[in-house]
N, C-alpha and C. Protein backbone atom coordinates (compact mmCIF):
# COMPACT_ATOMS: atom_id res chain seq x y z
N MET A 1 25.66 16.17 -19.48
CA MET A 1 26.08 14.89 -18.96
C MET A 1 27.18 14.33 -19.84
N ASN A 2 28.21 13.81 -19.20
CA ASN A 2 29.27 13.21 -20.01
C ASN A 2 28.93 11.75 -20.30
N ASP A 3 29.78 11.11 -21.10
CA ASP A 3 29.51 9.74 -21.54
C ASP A 3 29.49 8.76 -20.37
N GLU A 4 30.34 8.98 -19.39
CA GLU A 4 30.38 8.06 -18.24
C GLU A 4 29.08 8.11 -17.45
N GLN A 5 28.53 9.29 -17.27
CA GLN A 5 27.27 9.42 -16.53
C GLN A 5 26.11 8.81 -17.31
N VAL A 6 26.11 8.99 -18.61
CA VAL A 6 25.07 8.39 -19.44
C VAL A 6 25.15 6.87 -19.35
N HIS A 7 26.36 6.35 -19.40
CA HIS A 7 26.56 4.91 -19.29
C HIS A 7 26.12 4.39 -17.92
N GLN A 8 26.44 5.12 -16.85
CA GLN A 8 26.03 4.71 -15.51
C GLN A 8 24.51 4.73 -15.37
N ASN A 9 23.87 5.75 -15.92
CA ASN A 9 22.40 5.81 -15.88
C ASN A 9 21.77 4.66 -16.66
N TYR A 10 22.37 4.33 -17.80
CA TYR A 10 21.87 3.21 -18.59
C TYR A 10 22.01 1.90 -17.81
N LEU A 11 23.17 1.69 -17.18
CA LEU A 11 23.38 0.47 -16.40
C LEU A 11 22.41 0.39 -15.23
N PHE A 12 22.21 1.52 -14.54
CA PHE A 12 21.29 1.53 -13.41
C PHE A 12 19.87 1.22 -13.87
N ASP A 13 19.43 1.83 -14.96
CA ASP A 13 18.08 1.59 -15.46
C ASP A 13 17.92 0.14 -15.92
N ASN A 14 18.93 -0.40 -16.57
CA ASN A 14 18.88 -1.79 -17.02
C ASN A 14 18.84 -2.74 -15.83
N HIS A 15 19.65 -2.46 -14.81
CA HIS A 15 19.66 -3.28 -13.60
C HIS A 15 18.30 -3.22 -12.91
N ARG A 16 17.74 -2.05 -12.81
CA ARG A 16 16.43 -1.86 -12.16
C ARG A 16 15.34 -2.62 -12.92
N ARG A 17 15.38 -2.55 -14.24
CA ARG A 17 14.38 -3.25 -15.06
C ARG A 17 14.48 -4.76 -14.88
N LEU A 18 15.70 -5.29 -14.92
CA LEU A 18 15.88 -6.74 -14.75
C LEU A 18 15.49 -7.19 -13.35
N PHE A 19 15.78 -6.36 -12.34
CA PHE A 19 15.41 -6.67 -10.96
C PHE A 19 13.89 -6.78 -10.82
N HIS A 20 13.17 -5.83 -11.36
CA HIS A 20 11.71 -5.86 -11.26
C HIS A 20 11.12 -6.98 -12.12
N LYS A 21 11.74 -7.27 -13.23
CA LYS A 21 11.27 -8.37 -14.07
C LYS A 21 11.39 -9.70 -13.33
N THR A 22 12.51 -9.89 -12.63
CA THR A 22 12.71 -11.10 -11.84
C THR A 22 11.70 -11.18 -10.70
N LYS A 23 11.44 -10.05 -10.06
CA LYS A 23 10.44 -10.01 -8.99
C LYS A 23 9.07 -10.42 -9.52
N LEU A 24 8.70 -9.91 -10.68
CA LEU A 24 7.39 -10.22 -11.24
C LEU A 24 7.26 -11.70 -11.60
N LYS A 25 8.33 -12.30 -12.08
CA LYS A 25 8.30 -13.74 -12.36
C LYS A 25 8.13 -14.54 -11.08
N ALA A 26 8.80 -14.11 -10.00
CA ALA A 26 8.66 -14.79 -8.71
C ALA A 26 7.24 -14.62 -8.17
N ILE A 27 6.67 -13.44 -8.36
CA ILE A 27 5.29 -13.20 -7.92
C ILE A 27 4.34 -14.14 -8.65
N SER A 28 4.53 -14.30 -9.94
CA SER A 28 3.66 -15.17 -10.72
C SER A 28 3.69 -16.60 -10.18
N ARG A 29 4.88 -17.10 -9.93
CA ARG A 29 5.00 -18.47 -9.43
C ARG A 29 4.41 -18.60 -8.03
N THR A 30 4.79 -17.70 -7.13
CA THR A 30 4.33 -17.79 -5.74
C THR A 30 2.83 -17.63 -5.64
N SER A 31 2.29 -16.65 -6.31
CA SER A 31 0.85 -16.39 -6.22
C SER A 31 0.03 -17.53 -6.82
N ALA A 32 0.47 -18.06 -7.94
CA ALA A 32 -0.26 -19.18 -8.54
C ALA A 32 -0.23 -20.40 -7.62
N LEU A 33 0.92 -20.66 -7.04
CA LEU A 33 1.07 -21.82 -6.16
C LEU A 33 0.21 -21.68 -4.90
N LEU A 34 0.32 -20.55 -4.21
CA LEU A 34 -0.40 -20.39 -2.95
C LEU A 34 -1.91 -20.25 -3.15
N SER A 35 -2.35 -19.59 -4.20
CA SER A 35 -3.80 -19.52 -4.43
C SER A 35 -4.34 -20.89 -4.81
N GLY A 36 -3.55 -21.68 -5.53
CA GLY A 36 -3.96 -23.06 -5.84
C GLY A 36 -4.07 -23.91 -4.59
N PHE A 37 -3.09 -23.81 -3.69
CA PHE A 37 -3.16 -24.54 -2.42
C PHE A 37 -4.38 -24.13 -1.62
N ALA A 38 -4.67 -22.84 -1.57
CA ALA A 38 -5.82 -22.36 -0.80
C ALA A 38 -7.13 -22.89 -1.38
N MET A 39 -7.24 -22.90 -2.71
CA MET A 39 -8.45 -23.42 -3.34
C MET A 39 -8.62 -24.92 -3.08
N ILE A 40 -7.53 -25.66 -3.18
CA ILE A 40 -7.60 -27.10 -2.92
C ILE A 40 -7.96 -27.36 -1.47
N ALA A 41 -7.39 -26.59 -0.56
CA ALA A 41 -7.71 -26.76 0.86
C ALA A 41 -9.19 -26.49 1.11
N MET A 42 -9.75 -25.50 0.44
CA MET A 42 -11.17 -25.18 0.64
C MET A 42 -12.05 -26.30 0.09
N VAL A 43 -11.68 -26.85 -1.04
CA VAL A 43 -12.49 -27.91 -1.65
C VAL A 43 -12.36 -29.22 -0.88
N GLU A 44 -11.16 -29.54 -0.42
CA GLU A 44 -10.90 -30.83 0.20
C GLU A 44 -11.26 -30.93 1.67
N ILE A 45 -11.44 -29.81 2.35
CA ILE A 45 -11.71 -29.89 3.79
C ILE A 45 -13.10 -30.47 4.01
N SER A 46 -13.19 -31.34 5.02
CA SER A 46 -14.49 -31.92 5.37
C SER A 46 -14.76 -31.60 6.83
N PHE A 47 -15.97 -31.17 7.08
CA PHE A 47 -16.34 -30.76 8.43
C PHE A 47 -16.99 -31.88 9.22
N ASP A 48 -17.21 -33.02 8.60
CA ASP A 48 -17.88 -34.12 9.30
C ASP A 48 -16.97 -35.34 9.46
N ASP A 49 -15.72 -35.11 9.79
CA ASP A 49 -14.77 -36.21 9.96
C ASP A 49 -15.06 -37.03 11.22
N TYR A 50 -15.58 -36.39 12.23
CA TYR A 50 -15.75 -37.06 13.52
C TYR A 50 -17.23 -37.13 13.86
N LYS A 51 -17.62 -38.28 14.44
CA LYS A 51 -19.02 -38.47 14.81
C LYS A 51 -19.39 -37.51 15.94
N ASP A 52 -20.57 -37.03 15.88
CA ASP A 52 -21.12 -36.14 16.91
C ASP A 52 -20.29 -34.87 17.10
N ALA A 53 -19.55 -34.48 16.11
CA ALA A 53 -18.75 -33.25 16.22
C ALA A 53 -19.33 -32.21 15.27
N VAL A 54 -19.61 -31.07 15.82
CA VAL A 54 -20.13 -29.97 15.01
C VAL A 54 -19.10 -28.84 15.06
N THR A 55 -18.58 -28.50 13.89
CA THR A 55 -17.59 -27.42 13.83
C THR A 55 -18.30 -26.10 14.13
N PRO A 56 -17.73 -25.29 15.03
CA PRO A 56 -18.36 -24.01 15.36
C PRO A 56 -18.47 -23.11 14.12
N MET A 57 -19.63 -22.48 13.99
CA MET A 57 -19.90 -21.63 12.83
C MET A 57 -18.91 -20.47 12.71
N PRO A 58 -18.50 -19.79 13.79
CA PRO A 58 -17.51 -18.71 13.62
C PRO A 58 -16.19 -19.20 13.02
N LEU A 59 -15.78 -20.42 13.38
CA LEU A 59 -14.55 -20.98 12.83
C LEU A 59 -14.68 -21.22 11.32
N ILE A 60 -15.85 -21.69 10.91
CA ILE A 60 -16.10 -21.92 9.48
C ILE A 60 -16.11 -20.58 8.73
N VAL A 61 -16.74 -19.57 9.30
CA VAL A 61 -16.80 -18.25 8.66
C VAL A 61 -15.40 -17.65 8.54
N ILE A 62 -14.60 -17.78 9.59
CA ILE A 62 -13.22 -17.28 9.55
C ILE A 62 -12.43 -18.01 8.48
N TYR A 63 -12.60 -19.33 8.41
CA TYR A 63 -11.86 -20.12 7.43
C TYR A 63 -12.23 -19.72 5.99
N ILE A 64 -13.50 -19.62 5.72
CA ILE A 64 -13.94 -19.27 4.37
C ILE A 64 -13.49 -17.85 4.02
N SER A 65 -13.58 -16.93 4.98
CA SER A 65 -13.14 -15.55 4.73
C SER A 65 -11.65 -15.50 4.43
N LEU A 66 -10.86 -16.22 5.22
CA LEU A 66 -9.41 -16.24 4.99
C LEU A 66 -9.08 -16.85 3.64
N THR A 67 -9.77 -17.93 3.29
CA THR A 67 -9.51 -18.57 2.00
C THR A 67 -9.82 -17.62 0.85
N CYS A 68 -10.93 -16.92 0.95
CA CYS A 68 -11.28 -15.95 -0.11
C CYS A 68 -10.26 -14.82 -0.17
N LEU A 69 -9.79 -14.35 0.99
CA LEU A 69 -8.77 -13.30 1.01
C LEU A 69 -7.46 -13.79 0.39
N VAL A 70 -7.04 -15.01 0.76
CA VAL A 70 -5.79 -15.55 0.22
C VAL A 70 -5.87 -15.66 -1.29
N VAL A 71 -6.95 -16.25 -1.77
CA VAL A 71 -7.10 -16.42 -3.22
C VAL A 71 -7.21 -15.06 -3.90
N GLY A 72 -7.99 -14.15 -3.33
CA GLY A 72 -8.15 -12.83 -3.94
C GLY A 72 -6.86 -12.04 -4.00
N VAL A 73 -6.11 -12.02 -2.90
CA VAL A 73 -4.84 -11.27 -2.86
C VAL A 73 -3.85 -11.85 -3.86
N HIS A 74 -3.72 -13.18 -3.87
CA HIS A 74 -2.75 -13.79 -4.78
C HIS A 74 -3.17 -13.68 -6.24
N LEU A 75 -4.45 -13.78 -6.52
CA LEU A 75 -4.88 -13.61 -7.91
C LEU A 75 -4.71 -12.16 -8.37
N PHE A 76 -4.93 -11.20 -7.46
CA PHE A 76 -4.70 -9.81 -7.82
C PHE A 76 -3.22 -9.55 -8.10
N ALA A 77 -2.35 -10.11 -7.24
CA ALA A 77 -0.90 -9.98 -7.47
C ALA A 77 -0.50 -10.67 -8.77
N LEU A 78 -1.09 -11.82 -9.04
CA LEU A 78 -0.81 -12.55 -10.29
C LEU A 78 -1.28 -11.74 -11.50
N MET A 79 -2.46 -11.12 -11.39
CA MET A 79 -2.95 -10.29 -12.49
C MET A 79 -2.03 -9.10 -12.73
N LEU A 80 -1.61 -8.44 -11.65
CA LEU A 80 -0.70 -7.30 -11.79
C LEU A 80 0.60 -7.73 -12.47
N SER A 81 1.18 -8.83 -12.01
CA SER A 81 2.45 -9.26 -12.60
C SER A 81 2.27 -9.71 -14.04
N SER A 82 1.14 -10.34 -14.35
CA SER A 82 0.89 -10.76 -15.74
C SER A 82 0.68 -9.57 -16.67
N CYS A 83 0.10 -8.50 -16.15
CA CYS A 83 -0.12 -7.30 -16.98
C CYS A 83 1.16 -6.48 -17.13
N ILE A 84 1.98 -6.44 -16.09
CA ILE A 84 3.16 -5.59 -16.10
C ILE A 84 4.34 -6.25 -16.79
N LEU A 85 4.48 -7.56 -16.65
CA LEU A 85 5.65 -8.27 -17.17
C LEU A 85 5.89 -8.03 -18.66
N PRO A 86 4.88 -8.06 -19.52
CA PRO A 86 5.15 -7.78 -20.95
C PRO A 86 5.66 -6.36 -21.20
N LEU A 87 5.33 -5.43 -20.32
CA LEU A 87 5.78 -4.05 -20.51
C LEU A 87 7.29 -3.92 -20.35
N PHE A 88 7.91 -4.85 -19.63
CA PHE A 88 9.36 -4.79 -19.45
C PHE A 88 10.10 -5.18 -20.73
N GLU A 89 9.41 -5.86 -21.64
CA GLU A 89 10.03 -6.20 -22.92
C GLU A 89 10.09 -5.00 -23.86
N ILE A 90 9.16 -4.06 -23.67
CA ILE A 90 9.12 -2.88 -24.54
C ILE A 90 9.39 -1.61 -23.72
N HIS A 91 10.26 -1.72 -22.75
CA HIS A 91 10.51 -0.61 -21.82
C HIS A 91 11.02 0.64 -22.51
N HIS A 92 11.67 0.49 -23.65
CA HIS A 92 12.25 1.64 -24.34
C HIS A 92 11.18 2.56 -24.95
N LEU A 93 9.93 2.08 -25.03
CA LEU A 93 8.86 2.90 -25.59
C LEU A 93 8.24 3.86 -24.57
N PHE A 94 8.60 3.70 -23.31
CA PHE A 94 7.99 4.50 -22.26
C PHE A 94 8.91 5.63 -21.82
N THR A 95 8.29 6.69 -21.33
CA THR A 95 9.07 7.78 -20.76
C THR A 95 9.55 7.36 -19.37
N CYS A 96 10.43 8.15 -18.83
CA CYS A 96 10.98 7.86 -17.50
C CYS A 96 9.87 7.85 -16.45
N ARG A 97 8.95 8.78 -16.55
CA ARG A 97 7.82 8.87 -15.60
C ARG A 97 6.94 7.63 -15.69
N GLU A 98 6.64 7.18 -16.90
CA GLU A 98 5.81 5.98 -17.07
C GLU A 98 6.50 4.75 -16.51
N ARG A 99 7.83 4.67 -16.71
CA ARG A 99 8.58 3.54 -16.15
C ARG A 99 8.52 3.55 -14.63
N ASP A 100 8.62 4.73 -14.03
CA ASP A 100 8.54 4.81 -12.57
C ASP A 100 7.19 4.34 -12.06
N ILE A 101 6.12 4.66 -12.79
CA ILE A 101 4.79 4.20 -12.39
C ILE A 101 4.70 2.68 -12.50
N ILE A 102 5.27 2.12 -13.55
CA ILE A 102 5.27 0.66 -13.71
C ILE A 102 6.05 0.01 -12.56
N TYR A 103 7.16 0.62 -12.16
CA TYR A 103 7.95 0.08 -11.05
C TYR A 103 7.16 0.12 -9.74
N VAL A 104 6.35 1.16 -9.55
CA VAL A 104 5.52 1.25 -8.34
C VAL A 104 4.50 0.11 -8.33
N TYR A 105 3.87 -0.16 -9.47
CA TYR A 105 2.93 -1.28 -9.55
C TYR A 105 3.63 -2.62 -9.30
N ALA A 106 4.84 -2.76 -9.79
CA ALA A 106 5.59 -4.00 -9.56
C ALA A 106 5.89 -4.16 -8.07
N GLU A 107 6.28 -3.09 -7.40
CA GLU A 107 6.54 -3.15 -5.95
C GLU A 107 5.26 -3.47 -5.19
N PHE A 108 4.14 -2.89 -5.62
CA PHE A 108 2.86 -3.17 -4.96
C PHE A 108 2.49 -4.64 -5.10
N ALA A 109 2.67 -5.21 -6.29
CA ALA A 109 2.40 -6.63 -6.50
C ALA A 109 3.32 -7.49 -5.65
N TRP A 110 4.58 -7.07 -5.51
CA TRP A 110 5.55 -7.81 -4.70
C TRP A 110 5.12 -7.82 -3.23
N ILE A 111 4.70 -6.68 -2.72
CA ILE A 111 4.27 -6.60 -1.32
C ILE A 111 2.99 -7.41 -1.11
N LEU A 112 2.07 -7.34 -2.05
CA LEU A 112 0.84 -8.13 -1.94
C LEU A 112 1.14 -9.62 -1.87
N SER A 113 1.98 -10.08 -2.78
CA SER A 113 2.26 -11.51 -2.86
C SER A 113 3.11 -12.01 -1.70
N THR A 114 4.21 -11.31 -1.42
CA THR A 114 5.14 -11.84 -0.42
C THR A 114 4.76 -11.50 1.01
N CYS A 115 4.24 -10.34 1.25
CA CYS A 115 3.92 -9.96 2.64
C CYS A 115 2.49 -10.34 3.01
N VAL A 116 1.55 -9.71 2.38
CA VAL A 116 0.15 -9.90 2.75
C VAL A 116 -0.31 -11.33 2.44
N GLY A 117 -0.02 -11.81 1.25
CA GLY A 117 -0.49 -13.13 0.84
C GLY A 117 0.07 -14.26 1.67
N ILE A 118 1.35 -14.21 1.97
CA ILE A 118 1.96 -15.30 2.75
C ILE A 118 1.47 -15.27 4.19
N VAL A 119 1.31 -14.09 4.78
CA VAL A 119 0.79 -14.01 6.15
C VAL A 119 -0.63 -14.57 6.20
N LEU A 120 -1.46 -14.20 5.25
CA LEU A 120 -2.83 -14.74 5.21
C LEU A 120 -2.83 -16.25 5.03
N PHE A 121 -1.92 -16.75 4.20
CA PHE A 121 -1.84 -18.20 3.97
C PHE A 121 -1.46 -18.94 5.25
N VAL A 122 -0.51 -18.40 6.00
CA VAL A 122 -0.08 -19.05 7.25
C VAL A 122 -1.21 -19.01 8.28
N VAL A 123 -1.92 -17.89 8.37
CA VAL A 123 -3.05 -17.80 9.30
C VAL A 123 -4.14 -18.79 8.89
N GLN A 124 -4.36 -18.93 7.60
CA GLN A 124 -5.34 -19.90 7.12
C GLN A 124 -4.93 -21.32 7.52
N MET A 125 -3.64 -21.60 7.46
CA MET A 125 -3.15 -22.92 7.86
C MET A 125 -3.46 -23.21 9.33
N VAL A 126 -3.33 -22.20 10.18
CA VAL A 126 -3.66 -22.36 11.60
C VAL A 126 -5.15 -22.66 11.77
N VAL A 127 -5.98 -21.95 11.03
CA VAL A 127 -7.43 -22.17 11.14
C VAL A 127 -7.79 -23.57 10.65
N VAL A 128 -7.14 -24.05 9.59
CA VAL A 128 -7.38 -25.42 9.12
C VAL A 128 -7.02 -26.42 10.21
N CYS A 129 -5.91 -26.20 10.89
CA CYS A 129 -5.52 -27.10 11.98
C CYS A 129 -6.56 -27.08 13.10
N TRP A 130 -7.12 -25.92 13.41
CA TRP A 130 -8.15 -25.85 14.44
C TRP A 130 -9.40 -26.62 14.00
N ILE A 131 -9.77 -26.50 12.74
CA ILE A 131 -10.95 -27.21 12.25
C ILE A 131 -10.72 -28.72 12.29
N LYS A 132 -9.54 -29.16 11.87
CA LYS A 132 -9.25 -30.59 11.79
C LYS A 132 -9.04 -31.24 13.16
N PHE A 133 -8.37 -30.52 14.07
CA PHE A 133 -7.97 -31.15 15.33
C PHE A 133 -8.80 -30.73 16.54
N LEU A 134 -9.76 -29.84 16.36
CA LEU A 134 -10.51 -29.33 17.50
C LEU A 134 -11.23 -30.44 18.25
N PHE A 135 -11.82 -31.38 17.54
CA PHE A 135 -12.58 -32.42 18.20
C PHE A 135 -11.77 -33.69 18.44
N LEU A 136 -10.68 -33.86 17.74
CA LEU A 136 -9.82 -35.02 17.97
C LEU A 136 -9.02 -34.79 19.24
N THR A 137 -8.27 -33.73 19.26
CA THR A 137 -7.55 -33.31 20.46
C THR A 137 -7.29 -31.81 20.37
N ARG A 138 -7.79 -31.11 21.34
CA ARG A 138 -7.65 -29.65 21.36
C ARG A 138 -6.18 -29.26 21.53
N GLN A 139 -5.39 -30.11 22.19
CA GLN A 139 -3.97 -29.81 22.41
C GLN A 139 -3.21 -29.70 21.09
N ALA A 140 -3.56 -30.51 20.11
CA ALA A 140 -2.88 -30.44 18.81
C ALA A 140 -3.11 -29.09 18.16
N ALA A 141 -4.33 -28.58 18.25
CA ALA A 141 -4.62 -27.26 17.68
C ALA A 141 -3.86 -26.17 18.43
N ILE A 142 -3.76 -26.29 19.73
CA ILE A 142 -3.03 -25.29 20.53
C ILE A 142 -1.54 -25.35 20.22
N VAL A 143 -0.99 -26.56 20.10
CA VAL A 143 0.43 -26.71 19.77
C VAL A 143 0.72 -26.13 18.39
N THR A 144 -0.15 -26.41 17.43
CA THR A 144 0.02 -25.86 16.08
C THR A 144 0.06 -24.34 16.13
N THR A 145 -0.86 -23.75 16.87
CA THR A 145 -0.90 -22.29 16.99
C THR A 145 0.34 -21.76 17.68
N SER A 146 0.78 -22.44 18.73
CA SER A 146 1.96 -21.97 19.47
C SER A 146 3.25 -22.12 18.66
N ILE A 147 3.26 -22.99 17.67
CA ILE A 147 4.43 -23.11 16.79
C ILE A 147 4.38 -22.06 15.69
N ILE A 148 3.20 -21.86 15.11
CA ILE A 148 3.07 -20.95 13.97
C ILE A 148 3.19 -19.49 14.38
N VAL A 149 2.69 -19.11 15.55
CA VAL A 149 2.72 -17.70 15.96
C VAL A 149 4.15 -17.16 16.03
N PRO A 150 5.12 -17.84 16.68
CA PRO A 150 6.49 -17.31 16.66
C PRO A 150 7.09 -17.26 15.25
N ILE A 151 6.76 -18.25 14.42
CA ILE A 151 7.25 -18.23 13.04
C ILE A 151 6.68 -17.03 12.30
N LEU A 152 5.41 -16.75 12.52
CA LEU A 152 4.77 -15.59 11.88
C LEU A 152 5.38 -14.29 12.38
N ILE A 153 5.67 -14.21 13.67
CA ILE A 153 6.32 -13.01 14.22
C ILE A 153 7.72 -12.85 13.63
N LEU A 154 8.46 -13.94 13.54
CA LEU A 154 9.79 -13.90 12.94
C LEU A 154 9.72 -13.47 11.47
N TYR A 155 8.77 -14.00 10.74
CA TYR A 155 8.58 -13.63 9.34
C TYR A 155 8.27 -12.14 9.20
N CYS A 156 7.35 -11.65 10.02
CA CYS A 156 6.98 -10.22 9.95
C CYS A 156 8.16 -9.34 10.34
N THR A 157 8.91 -9.73 11.36
CA THR A 157 10.08 -8.96 11.79
C THR A 157 11.12 -8.91 10.68
N PHE A 158 11.39 -10.05 10.08
CA PHE A 158 12.35 -10.09 8.98
C PHE A 158 11.88 -9.23 7.81
N SER A 159 10.59 -9.33 7.48
CA SER A 159 10.06 -8.55 6.35
C SER A 159 10.20 -7.06 6.59
N VAL A 160 9.85 -6.61 7.80
CA VAL A 160 9.97 -5.18 8.11
C VAL A 160 11.43 -4.75 8.05
N HIS A 161 12.32 -5.56 8.64
CA HIS A 161 13.75 -5.23 8.63
C HIS A 161 14.28 -5.19 7.19
N PHE A 162 13.92 -6.18 6.39
CA PHE A 162 14.40 -6.26 5.01
C PHE A 162 13.92 -5.06 4.20
N PHE A 163 12.63 -4.75 4.29
CA PHE A 163 12.10 -3.63 3.51
C PHE A 163 12.63 -2.29 3.99
N ARG A 164 12.90 -2.16 5.30
CA ARG A 164 13.51 -0.92 5.80
C ARG A 164 14.91 -0.76 5.24
N ARG A 165 15.69 -1.85 5.25
CA ARG A 165 17.05 -1.78 4.70
C ARG A 165 17.02 -1.45 3.21
N LEU A 166 16.11 -2.05 2.50
CA LEU A 166 15.96 -1.79 1.07
C LEU A 166 15.57 -0.33 0.84
N LEU A 167 14.65 0.18 1.65
CA LEU A 167 14.23 1.57 1.51
C LEU A 167 15.38 2.52 1.82
N PHE A 168 16.12 2.26 2.91
CA PHE A 168 17.25 3.12 3.25
C PHE A 168 18.34 3.08 2.18
N SER A 169 18.54 1.91 1.59
CA SER A 169 19.52 1.78 0.51
C SER A 169 19.10 2.62 -0.70
N LYS A 170 17.83 2.55 -1.06
CA LYS A 170 17.33 3.34 -2.19
C LYS A 170 17.42 4.83 -1.89
N LEU A 171 17.05 5.22 -0.67
CA LEU A 171 17.13 6.63 -0.29
C LEU A 171 18.56 7.13 -0.33
N SER A 172 19.49 6.32 0.15
CA SER A 172 20.90 6.69 0.15
C SER A 172 21.41 6.86 -1.28
N TYR A 173 21.03 5.94 -2.15
CA TYR A 173 21.45 6.03 -3.55
C TYR A 173 20.94 7.32 -4.19
N HIS A 174 19.66 7.59 -3.98
CA HIS A 174 19.08 8.80 -4.59
C HIS A 174 19.63 10.07 -3.96
N GLN A 175 19.96 10.03 -2.66
CA GLN A 175 20.56 11.20 -2.03
C GLN A 175 21.94 11.48 -2.62
N ASN A 176 22.72 10.42 -2.84
CA ASN A 176 24.03 10.59 -3.49
C ASN A 176 23.87 11.15 -4.91
N GLU A 177 22.86 10.66 -5.61
CA GLU A 177 22.61 11.15 -6.97
C GLU A 177 22.24 12.64 -6.94
N LEU A 178 21.41 13.04 -5.98
CA LEU A 178 21.04 14.45 -5.86
C LEU A 178 22.23 15.31 -5.47
N ASP A 179 23.09 14.79 -4.59
CA ASP A 179 24.30 15.54 -4.21
C ASP A 179 25.20 15.77 -5.42
N GLN A 180 25.35 14.74 -6.25
CA GLN A 180 26.18 14.89 -7.45
C GLN A 180 25.58 15.91 -8.41
N LEU A 181 24.26 15.90 -8.56
CA LEU A 181 23.61 16.89 -9.42
C LEU A 181 23.80 18.30 -8.87
N GLU A 182 23.72 18.43 -7.56
CA GLU A 182 23.91 19.74 -6.95
C GLU A 182 25.34 20.24 -7.16
N LYS A 183 26.31 19.34 -7.02
CA LYS A 183 27.71 19.73 -7.24
C LYS A 183 27.93 20.17 -8.69
N ARG A 184 27.34 19.41 -9.63
CA ARG A 184 27.48 19.78 -11.04
C ARG A 184 26.79 21.11 -11.34
N SER A 185 25.66 21.32 -10.72
CA SER A 185 24.93 22.58 -10.92
C SER A 185 25.73 23.75 -10.35
N PHE A 186 26.34 23.54 -9.20
CA PHE A 186 27.16 24.58 -8.59
C PHE A 186 28.38 24.88 -9.46
N ALA A 187 28.97 23.82 -10.02
CA ALA A 187 30.16 24.00 -10.87
C ALA A 187 29.81 24.76 -12.15
N VAL A 188 28.60 24.57 -12.67
CA VAL A 188 28.19 25.27 -13.88
C VAL A 188 27.89 26.74 -13.57
N ARG A 189 27.26 27.00 -12.43
CA ARG A 189 26.91 28.38 -12.08
C ARG A 189 28.12 29.20 -11.67
N PHE A 190 29.03 28.56 -10.95
CA PHE A 190 30.21 29.27 -10.46
C PHE A 190 31.47 28.53 -10.90
N PRO A 191 31.86 28.70 -12.15
CA PRO A 191 33.05 27.99 -12.62
C PRO A 191 34.30 28.51 -11.91
N ARG A 192 35.24 27.62 -11.75
CA ARG A 192 36.51 28.00 -11.11
C ARG A 192 37.32 28.86 -12.06
N THR A 193 37.80 29.92 -11.55
CA THR A 193 38.64 30.79 -12.37
C THR A 193 40.06 30.73 -11.81
N THR A 194 40.96 30.71 -12.69
CA THR A 194 42.37 30.69 -12.27
C THR A 194 42.96 32.08 -12.47
N ILE A 195 43.65 32.51 -11.46
CA ILE A 195 44.30 33.82 -11.52
C ILE A 195 45.77 33.61 -11.83
N ILE A 196 46.24 34.31 -12.83
CA ILE A 196 47.64 34.18 -13.24
C ILE A 196 48.46 35.28 -12.66
């Protein structure tokens, strides 16, 4: 490898490390915030707001299950990011293979926090609206659901599109890198000879 290639590899590795470090910091903030909101919502909700109104038991079970899932997913993502983030400060002590494993864990935490956790949080919000408005006016709960469902579909569509583009970009980069390695390998095996 010549000096330019070593420098490019160093820049790419440094960029990748900083990118994942920023992602992990965002995960920490998002997960802490959303799990806190979910816990507060669970503690503050009251099922006896209206006289002679009994909240259906399946709705309560769904709500509690969703709240536990939201808190669990976000706390797991927060734990992953808290454990991995210090490793980025001492990245030079790890082999390339170990760094790749750390990057996989960082991506997993990112998907947990941004995709799974946010979708669960939005669904939990719909269930809270059903619990709060079911006996006051059923139309409010239906309107809330009809507003949130398209937003959730739009969010999921954007997430799939974004991650596909990101994946194709990474695949393209690595394919170009492999092509360059193949060209260099071919040049070493079959050097050009000049005939005088």
